[in-house]
Amino acid sequence: MVSLDQALKLLLNAEDLVIADVGAAYGLPWYLQVLEEWATLCLFEPNTARAEELRKAYKKSNRRNKAHVFETALSASGGERVLYETHVPTGSSLLKPGSDTLNEFGDPSYFFPIHAHTIQTRRLDDVLDEAGIHRVDFLKLDVQGAEIEVLHGLGDRLRQSTLGVELEVGLPGGYLEQPSMGQVDEFLRSRGFTLFDLRPVRLHRPVHGDRTYYPRKIFGVHENSTSVSKRIWEVDALYFRGAEHLLKTGDRSGLRKLVVLYCAYGFFAEAHYLLTRVMEDHILPSPEVESLRNAVIAWHRHRHYSMKESPRWWTIREVISSWRNRISRLFCRPRSSTWLVNE
């Protein structure tokens, strides 16, 4: 079986994958770090101290491709904007904190005190043009409610060449005039993207900033007990461009990159299926597609497979779980709500 590096080399075939991380205070998230050595990175972080830390970190690494750190804030049209700087810097935004949900359910110590000051912003496409970067294959956005603003600033490139977007969506969020999940979904669907996954963040209602108060002090259980439901606060939403256009136009470069992005997020079945479509549509010869499908399998094997994930082990787990549930029913009160289940 080929190594992970060999698998990535086969899949990309010298294609330059361009990833932009907007709000990149601590670098790429762990699940995208597998691509760090293979991608051109565009890291946007307006906080001076964090931007300098990113420069130092990527300067030390021996990279195949470039890492650009842009110490700038992005908006839909550029120009002067008010930045609302929160007590914890990662909460700062072009949108003003203070929604009804924040006042009722948020953590004041995270947001307050807030310092508002005027900053210069730029459009994403202008920054990329200046750097000589003419497309973005994947965008990861964490800008506290201003995600659609940033996407507007990419202009036609979002519709024409971007293959995927990960962004944070408040439900409804702590900021005034923050776009809803419906608005975000409509915006991206109208530009050819399909929702692949939602990763929710759920929280208990705080008392004086303590989110363990109700489960621990009132109901006598651990804060992560499944017997007391948490309320959804936000989701990380993942969108990929629909593959049909890439297949119809025979876009080999786009299809290879989309397969790689699928794998980075664990959608190995989608990657394998897409390569099967590539073979059926005669976009690449069958022997080459077979080597690429084997590379997808190798990626999964090297990064994710373990004996406890094997079908035999899962059968053993199911038997143990069945007996555990029977014993639990003998000594514990059965749950009266089907909503309260393990995730």
C-alpha atoms as a PDB file:
ATOM      1  CA  MET A   1       0.000   0.000   0.000  1.00  0.00           C
ATOM      2  CA  VAL A   2       1.275   3.484  -0.858  1.00  0.00           C
ATOM      3  CA  SER A   3       2.207   5.984   1.852  1.00  0.00           C
ATOM      4  CA  LEU A   4       0.029   8.976   2.663  1.00  0.00           C
ATOM      5  CA  ASP A   5       2.454  11.299   0.880  1.00  0.00           C
ATOM      6  CA  GLN A   6       2.367   9.077  -2.195  1.00  0.00           C
ATOM      7  CA  ALA A   7      -1.434   9.008  -2.066  1.00  0.00           C
ATOM      8  CA  LEU A   8      -1.648  12.805  -1.981  1.00  0.00           C
ATOM      9  CA  LYS A   9       0.897  13.085  -4.796  1.00  0.00           C
ATOM     10  CA  LEU A  10      -1.128  10.700  -6.942  1.00  0.00           C
ATOM     11  CA  LEU A  11      -4.410  12.460  -6.256  1.00  0.00           C
ATOM     12  CA  LEU A  12      -3.187  16.019  -6.836  1.00  0.00           C
ATOM     13  CA  ASN A  13      -0.871  15.191  -9.751  1.00  0.00           C
ATOM     14  CA  ALA A  14       1.115  18.459  -9.255  1.00  0.00           C
ATOM     15  CA  GLU A  15      -2.069  20.551  -9.087  1.00  0.00           C
ATOM     16  CA  ASP A  16      -1.727  23.579  -6.782  1.00  0.00           C
ATOM     17  CA  LEU A  17      -4.509  23.473  -4.214  1.00  0.00           C
ATOM     18  CA  VAL A  18      -5.200  26.989  -2.872  1.00  0.00           C
ATOM     19  CA  ILE A  19      -6.758  27.191   0.610  1.00  0.00           C
ATOM     20  CA  ALA A  20      -7.809  30.466   2.244  1.00  0.00           C
ATOM     21  CA  ASP A  21      -8.380  30.568   5.997  1.00  0.00           C
ATOM     22  CA  VAL A  22     -10.110  33.813   7.000  1.00  0.00           C
ATOM     23  CA  GLY A  23      -9.893  34.320  10.740  1.00  0.00           C
ATOM     24  CA  ALA A  24      -6.817  32.086  10.966  1.00  0.00           C
ATOM     25  CA  ALA A  25      -5.717  33.075  14.461  1.00  0.00           C
ATOM     26  CA  TYR A  26      -4.165  29.678  15.254  1.00  0.00           C
ATOM     27  CA  GLY A  27      -3.584  28.276  11.780  1.00  0.00           C
ATOM     28  CA  LEU A  28      -5.479  25.610   9.892  1.00  0.00           C
ATOM     29  CA  PRO A  29      -7.785  23.321  11.895  1.00  0.00           C
ATOM     30  CA  TRP A  30      -6.351  19.862  12.570  1.00  0.00           C
ATOM     31  CA  TYR A  31      -8.358  18.091   9.864  1.00  0.00           C
ATOM     32  CA  LEU A  32      -6.927  20.370   7.134  1.00  0.00           C
ATOM     33  CA  GLN A  33      -3.353  20.197   8.394  1.00  0.00           C
ATOM     34  CA  VAL A  34      -2.801  17.053   6.319  1.00  0.00           C
ATOM     35  CA  LEU A  35      -2.907  19.394   3.295  1.00  0.00           C
ATOM     36  CA  GLU A  36      -0.553  22.051   4.661  1.00  0.00           C
ATOM     37  CA  GLU A  37       2.499  20.758   2.809  1.00  0.00           C
ATOM     38  CA  TRP A  38       0.589  20.341  -0.454  1.00  0.00           C
ATOM     39  CA  ALA A  39      -1.365  23.590  -0.666  1.00  0.00           C
ATOM     40  CA  THR A  40      -0.756  27.262  -1.182  1.00  0.00           C
ATOM     41  CA  LEU A  41      -2.122  28.820   2.009  1.00  0.00           C
ATOM     42  CA  CYS A  42      -3.676  32.273   2.282  1.00  0.00           C
ATOM     43  CA  LEU A  43      -4.099  33.053   5.981  1.00  0.00           C
ATOM     44  CA  PHE A  44      -6.041  36.177   6.936  1.00  0.00           C
ATOM     45  CA  GLU A  45      -5.650  37.430  10.502  1.00  0.00           C
ATOM     46  CA  PRO A  46      -6.102  41.159  11.364  1.00  0.00           C
ATOM     47  CA  ASN A  47      -4.770  40.746  14.909  1.00  0.00           C
ATOM     48  CA  THR A  48      -1.136  41.889  14.730  1.00  0.00           C
ATOM     49  CA  ALA A  49       0.214  39.557  17.419  1.00  0.00           C
ATOM     50  CA  ARG A  50      -1.503  36.474  16.003  1.00  0.00           C
ATOM     51  CA  ALA A  51      -0.476  37.337  12.435  1.00  0.00           C
ATOM     52  CA  GLU A  52       3.164  37.585  13.514  1.00  0.00           C
ATOM     53  CA  GLU A  53       2.928  34.217  15.272  1.00  0.00           C
ATOM     54  CA  LEU A  54       1.571  32.677  12.067  1.00  0.00           C
ATOM     55  CA  ARG A  55       4.438  34.161  10.033  1.00  0.00           C
ATOM     56  CA  LYS A  56       6.999  32.728  12.449  1.00  0.00           C
ATOM     57  CA  ALA A  57       5.356  29.303  12.488  1.00  0.00           C
ATOM     58  CA  TYR A  58       5.189  28.939   8.713  1.00  0.00           C
ATOM     59  CA  LYS A  59       8.638  30.438   8.191  1.00  0.00           C
ATOM     60  CA  LYS A  60      10.101  27.587  10.255  1.00  0.00           C
ATOM     61  CA  SER A  61       8.321  24.860   8.307  1.00  0.00           C
ATOM     62  CA  ASN A  62       9.894  23.308   5.225  1.00  0.00           C
ATOM     63  CA  ARG A  63       6.976  23.725   2.831  1.00  0.00           C
ATOM     64  CA  ARG A  64       6.512  22.587  -0.733  1.00  0.00           C
ATOM     65  CA  ASN A  65       4.192  25.525  -1.384  1.00  0.00           C
ATOM     66  CA  LYS A  66       3.893  29.106  -0.155  1.00  0.00           C
ATOM     67  CA  ALA A  67       2.100  30.331   2.947  1.00  0.00           C
ATOM     68  CA  HIS A  68       0.876  33.923   2.699  1.00  0.00           C
ATOM     69  CA  VAL A  69      -0.140  35.695   5.909  1.00  0.00           C
ATOM     70  CA  PHE A  70      -2.311  38.753   5.310  1.00  0.00           C
ATOM     71  CA  GLU A  71      -2.728  41.064   8.294  1.00  0.00           C
ATOM     72  CA  THR A  72      -5.958  42.561   7.065  1.00  0.00           C
ATOM     73  CA  ALA A  73      -9.684  42.505   7.742  1.00  0.00           C
ATOM     74  CA  LEU A  74     -12.042  41.622   4.890  1.00  0.00           C
ATOM     75  CA  SER A  75     -15.455  42.966   3.955  1.00  0.00           C
ATOM     76  CA  ALA A  76     -17.848  42.982   0.990  1.00  0.00           C
ATOM     77  CA  SER A  77     -16.784  46.349  -0.432  1.00  0.00           C
ATOM     78  CA  GLY A  78     -13.604  47.345   1.406  1.00  0.00           C
ATOM     79  CA  GLY A  79     -12.988  50.734   3.019  1.00  0.00           C
ATOM     80  CA  GLU A  80     -13.475  51.944   6.563  1.00  0.00           C
ATOM     81  CA  ARG A  81     -15.549  49.829   8.942  1.00  0.00           C
ATOM     82  CA  VAL A  82     -16.095  49.643  12.674  1.00  0.00           C
ATOM     83  CA  LEU A  83     -14.473  46.632  14.336  1.00  0.00           C
ATOM     84  CA  TYR A  84     -16.101  45.529  17.581  1.00  0.00           C
ATOM     85  CA  GLU A  85     -13.209  44.091  19.564  1.00  0.00           C
ATOM     86  CA  THR A  86     -14.458  41.701  22.232  1.00  0.00           C
ATOM     87  CA  HIS A  87     -12.856  40.705  25.520  1.00  0.00           C
ATOM     88  CA  VAL A  88     -11.710  37.417  23.950  1.00  0.00           C
ATOM     89  CA  PRO A  89     -10.121  38.425  20.604  1.00  0.00           C
ATOM     90  CA  THR A  90     -11.627  35.494  18.655  1.00  0.00           C
ATOM     91  CA  GLY A  91     -15.085  37.017  19.210  1.00  0.00           C
ATOM     92  CA  SER A  92     -14.259  40.315  17.478  1.00  0.00           C
ATOM     93  CA  SER A  93     -16.412  41.134  14.472  1.00  0.00           C
ATOM     94  CA  LEU A  94     -17.600  43.733  11.992  1.00  0.00           C
ATOM     95  CA  LEU A  95     -21.042  43.015  13.448  1.00  0.00           C
ATOM     96  CA  LYS A  96     -21.970  44.444  16.827  1.00  0.00           C
ATOM     97  CA  PRO A  97     -22.514  41.901  19.619  1.00  0.00           C
ATOM     98  CA  GLY A  98     -25.780  42.284  21.486  1.00  0.00           C
ATOM     99  CA  SER A  99     -28.496  40.055  20.041  1.00  0.00           C
ATOM    100  CA  ASP A 100     -31.367  39.013  22.268  1.00  0.00           C
ATOM    101  CA  THR A 101     -29.908  35.502  22.338  1.00  0.00           C
ATOM    102  CA  LEU A 102     -26.560  36.822  23.539  1.00  0.00           C
ATOM    103  CA  ASN A 103     -28.171  38.868  26.297  1.00  0.00           C
ATOM    104  CA  GLU A 104     -30.213  35.889  27.466  1.00  0.00           C
ATOM    105  CA  PHE A 105     -27.980  32.909  26.784  1.00  0.00           C
ATOM    106  CA  GLY A 106     -24.440  34.081  25.948  1.00  0.00           C
ATOM    107  CA  ASP A 107     -21.359  34.342  28.137  1.00  0.00           C
ATOM    108  CA  PRO A 108     -20.794  38.042  28.946  1.00  0.00           C
ATOM    109  CA  SER A 109     -17.164  37.410  29.937  1.00  0.00           C
ATOM    110  CA  TYR A 110     -16.409  36.256  26.377  1.00  0.00           C
ATOM    111  CA  PHE A 111     -17.837  39.372  24.711  1.00  0.00           C
ATOM    112  CA  PHE A 112     -17.557  42.218  27.215  1.00  0.00           C
ATOM    113  CA  PRO A 113     -16.074  44.745  27.536  1.00  0.00           C
ATOM    114  CA  ILE A 114     -16.272  45.683  23.850  1.00  0.00           C
ATOM    115  CA  HIS A 115     -13.991  48.291  22.272  1.00  0.00           C
ATOM    116  CA  ALA A 116     -15.211  49.750  18.984  1.00  0.00           C
ATOM    117  CA  HIS A 117     -12.737  51.390  16.641  1.00  0.00           C
ATOM    118  CA  THR A 118     -12.458  52.182  12.948  1.00  0.00           C
ATOM    119  CA  ILE A 119     -10.293  49.978  10.728  1.00  0.00           C
ATOM    120  CA  GLN A 120      -9.509  49.672   7.041  1.00  0.00           C
ATOM    121  CA  THR A 121     -10.932  46.609   5.300  1.00  0.00           C
ATOM    122  CA  ARG A 122     -10.338  45.159   1.859  1.00  0.00           C
ATOM    123  CA  ARG A 123     -12.137  42.893  -0.585  1.00  0.00           C
ATOM    124  CA  LEU A 124     -10.808  39.349  -0.727  1.00  0.00           C
ATOM    125  CA  ASP A 125     -10.429  39.370  -4.509  1.00  0.00           C
ATOM    126  CA  ASP A 126      -8.373  42.589  -4.377  1.00  0.00           C
ATOM    127  CA  VAL A 127      -5.956  41.108  -1.842  1.00  0.00           C
ATOM    128  CA  LEU A 128      -5.564  37.949  -3.914  1.00  0.00           C
ATOM    129  CA  ASP A 129      -5.026  39.910  -7.141  1.00  0.00           C
ATOM    130  CA  GLU A 130      -2.296  41.951  -5.482  1.00  0.00           C
ATOM    131  CA  ALA A 131      -0.593  38.736  -4.346  1.00  0.00           C
ATOM    132  CA  GLY A 132      -0.860  37.198  -7.820  1.00  0.00           C
ATOM    133  CA  ILE A 133      -3.302  34.512  -6.693  1.00  0.00           C
ATOM    134  CA  HIS A 134      -6.102  34.104  -9.197  1.00  0.00           C
ATOM    135  CA  ARG A 135      -8.387  31.584  -7.537  1.00  0.00           C
ATOM    136  CA  VAL A 136      -9.281  30.002  -4.202  1.00  0.00           C
ATOM    137  CA  ASP A 137     -10.140  26.315  -4.240  1.00  0.00           C
ATOM    138  CA  PHE A 138     -11.330  26.150  -0.635  1.00  0.00           C
ATOM    139  CA  LEU A 139     -12.395  28.742   1.927  1.00  0.00           C
ATOM    140  CA  LYS A 140     -12.554  28.234   5.679  1.00  0.00           C
ATOM    141  CA  LEU A 141     -14.271  31.200   7.375  1.00  0.00           C
ATOM    142  CA  ASP A 142     -14.516  32.096  11.051  1.00  0.00           C
ATOM    143  CA  VAL A 143     -15.334  35.799  11.200  1.00  0.00           C
ATOM    144  CA  GLN A 144     -18.151  35.884  13.731  1.00  0.00           C
ATOM    145  CA  GLY A 145     -21.164  36.537  11.536  1.00  0.00           C
ATOM    146  CA  ALA A 146     -19.449  38.395   8.677  1.00  0.00           C
ATOM    147  CA  GLU A 147     -18.958  35.270   6.540  1.00  0.00           C
ATOM    148  CA  ILE A 148     -21.329  36.314   3.725  1.00  0.00           C
ATOM    149  CA  GLU A 149     -19.582  39.702   3.606  1.00  0.00           C
ATOM    150  CA  VAL A 150     -16.260  37.988   2.969  1.00  0.00           C
ATOM    151  CA  LEU A 151     -17.791  35.710   0.326  1.00  0.00           C
ATOM    152  CA  HIS A 152     -19.288  38.723  -1.484  1.00  0.00           C
ATOM    153  CA  GLY A 153     -15.773  40.165  -1.577  1.00  0.00           C
ATOM    154  CA  LEU A 154     -14.519  37.191  -3.590  1.00  0.00           C
ATOM    155  CA  GLY A 155     -16.685  38.261  -6.507  1.00  0.00           C
ATOM    156  CA  ASP A 156     -17.183  35.944  -9.479  1.00  0.00           C
ATOM    157  CA  ARG A 157     -14.387  33.644  -8.362  1.00  0.00           C
ATOM    158  CA  LEU A 158     -16.677  32.114  -5.745  1.00  0.00           C
ATOM    159  CA  ARG A 159     -19.061  30.846  -8.419  1.00  0.00           C
ATOM    160  CA  GLN A 160     -16.440  30.106 -11.071  1.00  0.00           C
ATOM    161  CA  SER A 161     -13.616  28.278  -9.318  1.00  0.00           C
ATOM    162  CA  THR A 162     -14.174  27.729  -5.579  1.00  0.00           C
ATOM    163  CA  LEU A 163     -14.825  24.075  -4.752  1.00  0.00           C
ATOM    164  CA  GLY A 164     -15.714  24.225  -1.060  1.00  0.00           C
ATOM    165  CA  VAL A 165     -16.565  26.477   1.861  1.00  0.00           C
ATOM    166  CA  GLU A 166     -16.583  25.842   5.602  1.00  0.00           C
ATOM    167  CA  LEU A 167     -18.166  28.589   7.671  1.00  0.00           C
ATOM    168  CA  GLU A 168     -19.637  29.253  11.088  1.00  0.00           C
ATOM    169  CA  VAL A 169     -23.345  30.076  11.357  1.00  0.00           C
ATOM    170  CA  GLY A 170     -25.000  31.406  14.511  1.00  0.00           C
ATOM    171  CA  LEU A 171     -28.368  29.973  15.550  1.00  0.00           C
ATOM    172  CA  PRO A 172     -29.240  32.774  15.782  1.00  0.00           C
ATOM    173  CA  GLY A 173     -25.873  33.950  17.115  1.00  0.00           C
ATOM    174  CA  GLY A 174     -24.668  36.692  19.395  1.00  0.00           C
ATOM    175  CA  TYR A 175     -24.395  39.528  16.860  1.00  0.00           C
ATOM    176  CA  LEU A 176     -26.910  42.038  15.568  1.00  0.00           C
ATOM    177  CA  GLU A 177     -28.044  41.440  11.973  1.00  0.00           C
ATOM    178  CA  GLN A 178     -26.147  38.144  11.818  1.00  0.00           C
ATOM    179  CA  PRO A 179     -27.246  36.100   8.745  1.00  0.00           C
ATOM    180  CA  SER A 180     -29.451  33.125   9.510  1.00  0.00           C
ATOM    181  CA  MET A 181     -28.807  29.537   8.435  1.00  0.00           C
ATOM    182  CA  GLY A 182     -31.480  29.972   5.771  1.00  0.00           C
ATOM    183  CA  GLN A 183     -29.800  33.065   4.330  1.00  0.00           C
ATOM    184  CA  VAL A 184     -26.387  31.399   4.288  1.00  0.00           C
ATOM    185  CA  ASP A 185     -27.793  28.271   2.661  1.00  0.00           C
ATOM    186  CA  GLU A 186     -29.654  30.211  -0.018  1.00  0.00           C
ATOM    187  CA  PHE A 187     -26.573  32.340  -0.770  1.00  0.00           C
ATOM    188  CA  LEU A 188     -24.330  29.317  -1.329  1.00  0.00           C
ATOM    189  CA  ARG A 189     -26.909  27.113  -3.084  1.00  0.00           C
ATOM    190  CA  SER A 190     -27.565  29.903  -5.590  1.00  0.00           C
ATOM    191  CA  ARG A 191     -23.852  29.800  -6.441  1.00  0.00           C
ATOM    192  CA  GLY A 192     -23.726  26.081  -7.100  1.00  0.00           C
ATOM    193  CA  PHE A 193     -22.832  24.670  -3.679  1.00  0.00           C
ATOM    194  CA  THR A 194     -24.397  21.735  -1.849  1.00  0.00           C
ATOM    195  CA  LEU A 195     -24.607  21.353   1.926  1.00  0.00           C
ATOM    196  CA  PHE A 196     -22.600  18.296   3.017  1.00  0.00           C
ATOM    197  CA  ASP A 197     -22.552  18.500   6.784  1.00  0.00           C
ATOM    198  CA  LEU A 198     -23.368  20.479   9.921  1.00  0.00           C
ATOM    199  CA  ARG A 199     -21.268  20.277  13.084  1.00  0.00           C
ATOM    200  CA  PRO A 200     -23.301  21.730  15.963  1.00  0.00           C
ATOM    201  CA  VAL A 201     -22.087  23.456  19.108  1.00  0.00           C
ATOM    202  CA  ARG A 202     -24.478  22.911  22.009  1.00  0.00           C
ATOM    203  CA  LEU A 203     -24.348  24.656  25.383  1.00  0.00           C
ATOM    204  CA  HIS A 204     -26.137  24.661  28.705  1.00  0.00           C
ATOM    205  CA  ARG A 205     -27.735  27.894  29.887  1.00  0.00           C
ATOM    206  CA  PRO A 206     -25.202  29.720  32.090  1.00  0.00           C
ATOM    207  CA  VAL A 207     -25.740  31.145  35.558  1.00  0.00           C
ATOM    208  CA  HIS A 208     -23.265  33.955  36.276  1.00  0.00           C
ATOM    209  CA  GLY A 209     -21.111  32.567  33.443  1.00  0.00           C
ATOM    210  CA  ASP A 210     -21.184  28.991  34.805  1.00  0.00           C
ATOM    211  CA  ARG A 211     -22.587  26.584  32.200  1.00  0.00           C
ATOM    212  CA  THR A 212     -22.237  23.623  34.568  1.00  0.00           C
ATOM    213  CA  TYR A 213     -24.643  25.163  37.094  1.00  0.00           C
ATOM    214  CA  TYR A 214     -27.878  23.473  36.008  1.00  0.00           C
ATOM    215  CA  PRO A 215     -26.575  19.948  35.291  1.00  0.00           C
ATOM    216  CA  ARG A 216     -24.253  19.768  38.323  1.00  0.00           C
ATOM    217  CA  LYS A 217     -25.969  21.832  41.028  1.00  0.00           C
ATOM    218  CA  ILE A 218     -29.634  21.448  40.128  1.00  0.00           C
ATOM    219  CA  PHE A 219     -29.890  17.993  38.531  1.00  0.00           C
ATOM    220  CA  GLY A 220     -26.809  16.350  40.069  1.00  0.00           C
ATOM    221  CA  VAL A 221     -25.259  15.063  36.852  1.00  0.00           C
ATOM    222  CA  HIS A 222     -22.104  15.732  34.841  1.00  0.00           C
ATOM    223  CA  GLU A 223     -22.318  18.677  32.428  1.00  0.00           C
ATOM    224  CA  ASN A 224     -21.969  16.244  29.508  1.00  0.00           C
ATOM    225  CA  SER A 225     -24.674  13.909  30.750  1.00  0.00           C
ATOM    226  CA  THR A 226     -27.158  12.991  28.030  1.00  0.00           C
ATOM    227  CA  SER A 227     -29.995  13.215  30.563  1.00  0.00           C
ATOM    228  CA  VAL A 228     -30.132  17.038  30.303  1.00  0.00           C
ATOM    229  CA  SER A 229     -30.289  18.386  26.750  1.00  0.00           C
ATOM    230  CA  LYS A 230     -28.075  21.263  25.672  1.00  0.00           C
ATOM    231  CA  ARG A 231     -29.339  24.083  23.498  1.00  0.00           C
ATOM    232  CA  ILE A 232     -27.821  24.597  20.056  1.00  0.00           C
ATOM    233  CA  TRP A 233     -25.748  27.790  19.809  1.00  0.00           C
ATOM    234  CA  GLU A 234     -24.054  27.643  16.403  1.00  0.00           C
ATOM    235  CA  VAL A 235     -23.005  25.239  13.660  1.00  0.00           C
ATOM    236  CA  ASP A 236     -20.020  24.822  11.409  1.00  0.00           C
ATOM    237  CA  ALA A 237     -21.491  24.279   7.959  1.00  0.00           C
ATOM    238  CA  LEU A 238     -19.607  22.514   5.157  1.00  0.00           C
ATOM    239  CA  TYR A 239     -20.471  23.074   1.491  1.00  0.00           C
ATOM    240  CA  PHE A 240     -18.955  21.608  -1.656  1.00  0.00           C
ATOM    241  CA  ARG A 241     -19.535  22.585  -5.260  1.00  0.00           C
ATOM    242  CA  GLY A 242     -21.838  20.217  -7.110  1.00  0.00           C
ATOM    243  CA  ALA A 243     -19.690  17.760  -9.071  1.00  0.00           C
ATOM    244  CA  GLU A 244     -21.984  17.460 -12.108  1.00  0.00           C
ATOM    245  CA  HIS A 245     -20.622  20.589 -13.824  1.00  0.00           C
ATOM    246  CA  LEU A 246     -17.037  19.414 -13.297  1.00  0.00           C
ATOM    247  CA  LEU A 247     -17.923  16.022 -14.768  1.00  0.00           C
ATOM    248  CA  LYS A 248     -19.801  17.555 -17.688  1.00  0.00           C
ATOM    249  CA  THR A 249     -16.900  19.842 -18.615  1.00  0.00           C
ATOM    250  CA  GLY A 250     -14.266  17.194 -17.929  1.00  0.00           C
ATOM    251  CA  ASP A 251     -12.446  19.457 -15.473  1.00  0.00           C
ATOM    252  CA  ARG A 252      -9.678  17.078 -14.383  1.00  0.00           C
ATOM    253  CA  SER A 253      -8.002  19.643 -12.149  1.00  0.00           C
ATOM    254  CA  GLY A 254     -11.219  20.530 -10.317  1.00  0.00           C
ATOM    255  CA  LEU A 255     -12.220  16.869  -9.926  1.00  0.00           C
ATOM    256  CA  ARG A 256      -8.848  15.890  -8.456  1.00  0.00           C
ATOM    257  CA  LYS A 257      -8.980  18.760  -5.963  1.00  0.00           C
ATOM    258  CA  LEU A 258     -12.567  17.981  -5.003  1.00  0.00           C
ATOM    259  CA  VAL A 259     -11.603  14.367  -4.290  1.00  0.00           C
ATOM    260  CA  VAL A 260      -8.758  15.595  -2.050  1.00  0.00           C
ATOM    261  CA  LEU A 261     -11.081  17.964  -0.166  1.00  0.00           C
ATOM    262  CA  TYR A 262     -13.644  15.193   0.314  1.00  0.00           C
ATOM    263  CA  CYS A 263     -10.926  13.019   1.872  1.00  0.00           C
ATOM    264  CA  ALA A 264      -9.665  15.809   4.144  1.00  0.00           C
ATOM    265  CA  TYR A 265     -13.154  15.952   5.688  1.00  0.00           C
ATOM    266  CA  GLY A 266     -13.532  12.186   5.863  1.00  0.00           C
ATOM    267  CA  PHE A 267     -15.944  11.792   2.927  1.00  0.00           C
ATOM    268  CA  PHE A 268     -13.985   8.851   1.537  1.00  0.00           C
ATOM    269  CA  ALA A 269     -17.079   7.163   0.105  1.00  0.00           C
ATOM    270  CA  GLU A 270     -17.949  10.346  -1.819  1.00  0.00           C
ATOM    271  CA  ALA A 271     -14.360  10.551  -3.108  1.00  0.00           C
ATOM    272  CA  HIS A 272     -14.375   6.931  -4.268  1.00  0.00           C
ATOM    273  CA  TYR A 273     -17.794   7.364  -5.928  1.00  0.00           C
ATOM    274  CA  LEU A 274     -16.709  10.547  -7.715  1.00  0.00           C
ATOM    275  CA  LEU A 275     -13.659   8.775  -9.141  1.00  0.00           C
ATOM    276  CA  THR A 276     -15.952   5.996 -10.368  1.00  0.00           C
ATOM    277  CA  ARG A 277     -17.984   8.655 -12.201  1.00  0.00           C
ATOM    278  CA  VAL A 278     -14.740  10.036 -13.655  1.00  0.00           C
ATOM    279  CA  MET A 279     -13.974   6.565 -15.072  1.00  0.00           C
ATOM    280  CA  GLU A 280     -17.510   5.994 -16.370  1.00  0.00           C
ATOM    281  CA  ASP A 281     -17.458   9.370 -18.155  1.00  0.00           C
ATOM    282  CA  HIS A 282     -14.023   8.549 -19.678  1.00  0.00           C
ATOM    283  CA  ILE A 283     -12.436  11.670 -18.206  1.00  0.00           C
ATOM    284  CA  LEU A 284      -9.409   9.641 -17.091  1.00  0.00           C
ATOM    285  CA  PRO A 285      -8.362   6.152 -18.235  1.00  0.00           C
ATOM    286  CA  SER A 286      -9.511   3.236 -16.091  1.00  0.00           C
ATOM    287  CA  PRO A 287      -6.014   2.190 -14.863  1.00  0.00           C
ATOM    288  CA  GLU A 288      -5.311   5.734 -13.648  1.00  0.00           C
ATOM    289  CA  VAL A 289      -8.680   5.980 -11.898  1.00  0.00           C
ATOM    290  CA  GLU A 290      -8.035   2.639 -10.202  1.00  0.00           C
ATOM    291  CA  SER A 291      -4.734   3.964  -8.824  1.00  0.00           C
ATOM    292  CA  LEU A 292      -6.549   7.070  -7.559  1.00  0.00           C
ATOM    293  CA  ARG A 293      -9.250   5.014  -5.861  1.00  0.00           C
ATOM    294  CA  ASN A 294      -6.522   2.961  -4.198  1.00  0.00           C
ATOM    295  CA  ALA A 295      -4.932   6.231  -3.051  1.00  0.00           C
ATOM    296  CA  VAL A 296      -8.236   7.201  -1.390  1.00  0.00           C
ATOM    297  CA  ILE A 297      -8.314   3.834   0.391  1.00  0.00           C
ATOM    298  CA  ALA A 298      -4.682   4.284   1.463  1.00  0.00           C
ATOM    299  CA  TRP A 299      -5.458   7.766   2.862  1.00  0.00           C
ATOM    300  CA  HIS A 300      -8.262   6.343   4.974  1.00  0.00           C
ATOM    301  CA  ARG A 301      -6.098   3.455   6.123  1.00  0.00           C
ATOM    302  CA  HIS A 302      -3.145   5.644   7.142  1.00  0.00           C
ATOM    303  CA  ARG A 303      -5.122   8.403   8.854  1.00  0.00           C
ATOM    304  CA  HIS A 304      -8.286   6.848  10.263  1.00  0.00           C
ATOM    305  CA  TYR A 305      -8.357   3.064  10.309  1.00  0.00           C
ATOM    306  CA  SER A 306      -7.870   1.056  13.496  1.00  0.00           C
ATOM    307  CA  MET A 307      -8.902  -2.430  14.627  1.00  0.00           C
ATOM    308  CA  LYS A 308     -11.727  -0.980  16.733  1.00  0.00           C
ATOM    309  CA  GLU A 309     -13.321   0.305  13.505  1.00  0.00           C
ATOM    310  CA  SER A 310     -13.435  -3.138  11.887  1.00  0.00           C
ATOM    311  CA  PRO A 311     -16.834  -4.812  11.306  1.00  0.00           C
ATOM    312  CA  ARG A 312     -15.899  -7.673  13.683  1.00  0.00           C
ATOM    313  CA  TRP A 313     -15.082  -5.273  16.509  1.00  0.00           C
ATOM    314  CA  TRP A 314     -18.314  -3.356  15.932  1.00  0.00           C
ATOM    315  CA  THR A 315     -20.253  -6.622  16.208  1.00  0.00           C
ATOM    316  CA  ILE A 316     -18.584  -7.257  19.577  1.00  0.00           C
ATOM    317  CA  ARG A 317     -19.402  -3.691  20.655  1.00  0.00           C
ATOM    318  CA  GLU A 318     -23.058  -4.131  19.692  1.00  0.00           C
ATOM    319  CA  VAL A 319     -23.315  -7.322  21.749  1.00  0.00           C
ATOM    320  CA  ILE A 320     -21.690  -5.632  24.776  1.00  0.00           C
ATOM    321  CA  SER A 321     -23.910  -2.571  24.341  1.00  0.00           C
ATOM    322  CA  SER A 322     -27.027  -4.735  24.174  1.00  0.00           C
ATOM    323  CA  TRP A 323     -26.196  -6.465  27.460  1.00  0.00           C
ATOM    324  CA  ARG A 324     -25.212  -3.170  29.076  1.00  0.00           C
ATOM    325  CA  ASN A 325     -28.592  -1.685  28.132  1.00  0.00           C
ATOM    326  CA  ARG A 326     -30.419  -4.700  29.575  1.00  0.00           C
ATOM    327  CA  ILE A 327     -28.541  -4.396  32.867  1.00  0.00           C
ATOM    328  CA  SER A 328     -29.094  -0.622  32.889  1.00  0.00           C
ATOM    329  CA  ARG A 329     -32.850  -1.097  32.505  1.00  0.00           C
ATOM    330  CA  LEU A 330     -32.856  -3.345  35.579  1.00  0.00           C
ATOM    331  CA  PHE A 331     -31.279  -0.723  37.854  1.00  0.00           C
ATOM    332  CA  CYS A 332     -32.035   2.658  36.219  1.00  0.00           C
ATOM    333  CA  ARG A 333     -35.213   4.465  35.363  1.00  0.00           C
ATOM    334  CA  PRO A 334     -35.940   4.269  31.616  1.00  0.00           C
ATOM    335  CA  ARG A 335     -35.856   7.551  29.745  1.00  0.00           C
ATOM    336  CA  SER A 336     -39.236   9.041  29.008  1.00  0.00           C
ATOM    337  CA  SER A 337     -38.097  11.053  25.974  1.00  0.00           C
ATOM    338  CA  THR A 338     -36.698   9.680  22.727  1.00  0.00           C
ATOM    339  CA  TRP A 339     -35.008  13.066  22.141  1.00  0.00           C
ATOM    340  CA  LEU A 340     -32.392  12.378  24.812  1.00  0.00           C
ATOM    341  CA  VAL A 341     -30.019   9.994  23.064  1.00  0.00           C
ATOM    342  CA  ASN A 342     -26.291   9.621  22.743  1.00  0.00           C
ATOM    343  CA  GLU A 343     -24.776  11.326  19.723  1.00  0.00           C
END
